[in-house]
Amino acid sequence: MAELWKRGVYGAVLCSTPFMKLGTAQAKTFGVPELPLIEIAHPLGGLDIERVRERAALALPKILGLIREHGQ
């Protein structure tokens, strides 16, 4: 994602709570400290589809906010 961001391709990273600190550090390390990280509850793996949908529904407003912010 960092290389895409540097090339002007806008995006974000979905990151579960325990990995937010790592995600922030990695974004800085790869030269894109402004890369948006969207926090979701942990864990995601092993969940049934309904729980995944619930997590997606919680993340969606944040994703749409980023689109609105940068889509202008």
C-alpha atoms as a PDB file:
ATOM      1  CA  MET A   1       0.000   0.000   0.000  1.00  0.00           C
ATOM      2  CA  ALA A   2       2.869   2.377   0.753  1.00  0.00           C
ATOM      3  CA  GLU A   3       4.201   2.173  -2.800  1.00  0.00           C
ATOM      4  CA  LEU A   4       0.747   2.759  -4.265  1.00  0.00           C
ATOM      5  CA  TRP A   5       0.249   5.751  -1.967  1.00  0.00           C
ATOM      6  CA  LYS A   6       3.575   7.222  -3.098  1.00  0.00           C
ATOM      7  CA  ARG A   7       2.389   6.880  -6.715  1.00  0.00           C
ATOM      8  CA  GLY A   8      -0.777   8.812  -5.976  1.00  0.00           C
ATOM      9  CA  VAL A   9      -3.151   5.864  -5.616  1.00  0.00           C
ATOM     10  CA  TYR A  10      -5.292   6.683  -2.633  1.00  0.00           C
ATOM     11  CA  GLY A  11      -6.123   3.910  -0.197  1.00  0.00           C
ATOM     12  CA  ALA A  12      -6.272   2.884   3.428  1.00  0.00           C
ATOM     13  CA  VAL A  13      -5.330  -0.099   5.536  1.00  0.00           C
ATOM     14  CA  LEU A  14      -7.796  -2.000   7.697  1.00  0.00           C
ATOM     15  CA  CYS A  15      -5.943  -2.838  10.865  1.00  0.00           C
ATOM     16  CA  SER A  16      -7.186  -4.718  13.919  1.00  0.00           C
ATOM     17  CA  THR A  17      -6.734  -3.065  17.285  1.00  0.00           C
ATOM     18  CA  PRO A  18      -3.589  -4.890  18.485  1.00  0.00           C
ATOM     19  CA  PHE A  19      -1.805  -4.035  15.232  1.00  0.00           C
ATOM     20  CA  MET A  20      -2.517  -0.292  15.073  1.00  0.00           C
ATOM     21  CA  LYS A  21       0.792   0.631  16.689  1.00  0.00           C
ATOM     22  CA  LEU A  22       2.665  -1.636  14.258  1.00  0.00           C
ATOM     23  CA  GLY A  23       0.699  -0.231  11.309  1.00  0.00           C
ATOM     24  CA  THR A  24       1.572   3.325  12.307  1.00  0.00           C
ATOM     25  CA  ALA A  25       5.241   2.422  12.695  1.00  0.00           C
ATOM     26  CA  GLN A  26       5.330   0.626   9.349  1.00  0.00           C
ATOM     27  CA  ALA A  27       3.677   3.553   7.558  1.00  0.00           C
ATOM     28  CA  LYS A  28       6.379   5.856   8.941  1.00  0.00           C
ATOM     29  CA  THR A  29       9.141   3.377   8.088  1.00  0.00           C
ATOM     30  CA  PHE A  30       7.938   3.146   4.492  1.00  0.00           C
ATOM     31  CA  GLY A  31       7.721   6.922   4.156  1.00  0.00           C
ATOM     32  CA  VAL A  32       3.953   7.409   4.249  1.00  0.00           C
ATOM     33  CA  PRO A  33       3.116   8.485   7.812  1.00  0.00           C
ATOM     34  CA  GLU A  34      -0.144  10.000   6.559  1.00  0.00           C
ATOM     35  CA  LEU A  35      -1.427   6.615   5.289  1.00  0.00           C
ATOM     36  CA  PRO A  36      -4.888   6.158   6.808  1.00  0.00           C
ATOM     37  CA  LEU A  37      -5.327   3.184   9.129  1.00  0.00           C
ATOM     38  CA  ILE A  38      -8.901   2.134   9.803  1.00  0.00           C
ATOM     39  CA  GLU A  39      -9.168   0.311  13.100  1.00  0.00           C
ATOM     40  CA  ILE A  40     -11.359  -2.767  13.369  1.00  0.00           C
ATOM     41  CA  ALA A  41     -11.923  -5.061  16.344  1.00  0.00           C
ATOM     42  CA  HIS A  42      -9.669  -8.062  16.789  1.00  0.00           C
ATOM     43  CA  PRO A  43      -9.765 -10.844  15.782  1.00  0.00           C
ATOM     44  CA  LEU A  44     -11.121 -11.008  12.262  1.00  0.00           C
ATOM     45  CA  GLY A  45      -9.821 -14.437  11.323  1.00  0.00           C
ATOM     46  CA  GLY A  46     -12.016 -17.360  12.264  1.00  0.00           C
ATOM     47  CA  LEU A  47     -15.225 -15.340  12.483  1.00  0.00           C
ATOM     48  CA  ASP A  48     -18.418 -16.454  10.812  1.00  0.00           C
ATOM     49  CA  ILE A  49     -19.671 -14.334   7.918  1.00  0.00           C
ATOM     50  CA  GLU A  50     -22.257 -12.509  10.032  1.00  0.00           C
ATOM     51  CA  ARG A  51     -19.612 -11.272  12.455  1.00  0.00           C
ATOM     52  CA  VAL A  52     -17.418 -10.190   9.536  1.00  0.00           C
ATOM     53  CA  ARG A  53     -20.380  -8.232   8.164  1.00  0.00           C
ATOM     54  CA  GLU A  54     -20.843  -6.567  11.543  1.00  0.00           C
ATOM     55  CA  ARG A  55     -17.195  -5.488  11.569  1.00  0.00           C
ATOM     56  CA  ALA A  56     -17.488  -4.244   7.991  1.00  0.00           C
ATOM     57  CA  ALA A  57     -20.596  -2.240   8.897  1.00  0.00           C
ATOM     58  CA  LEU A  58     -18.655  -0.530  11.697  1.00  0.00           C
ATOM     59  CA  ALA A  59     -15.724   0.278   9.405  1.00  0.00           C
ATOM     60  CA  LEU A  60     -17.850   1.504   6.497  1.00  0.00           C
ATOM     61  CA  PRO A  61     -18.539   5.034   7.837  1.00  0.00           C
ATOM     62  CA  LYS A  62     -14.800   5.561   8.312  1.00  0.00           C
ATOM     63  CA  ILE A  63     -14.097   4.344   4.782  1.00  0.00           C
ATOM     64  CA  LEU A  64     -16.818   6.566   3.315  1.00  0.00           C
ATOM     65  CA  GLY A  65     -15.446   9.513   5.288  1.00  0.00           C
ATOM     66  CA  LEU A  66     -12.035   9.003   3.728  1.00  0.00           C
ATOM     67  CA  ILE A  67     -13.572   8.786   0.263  1.00  0.00           C
ATOM     68  CA  ARG A  68     -15.500  12.008   0.832  1.00  0.00           C
ATOM     69  CA  GLU A  69     -12.421  13.732   2.211  1.00  0.00           C
ATOM     70  CA  HIS A  70     -10.117  12.773  -0.640  1.00  0.00           C
ATOM     71  CA  GLY A  71     -12.574  12.367  -3.492  1.00  0.00           C
ATOM     72  CA  GLN A  72     -12.881  16.100  -4.086  1.00  0.00           C
END
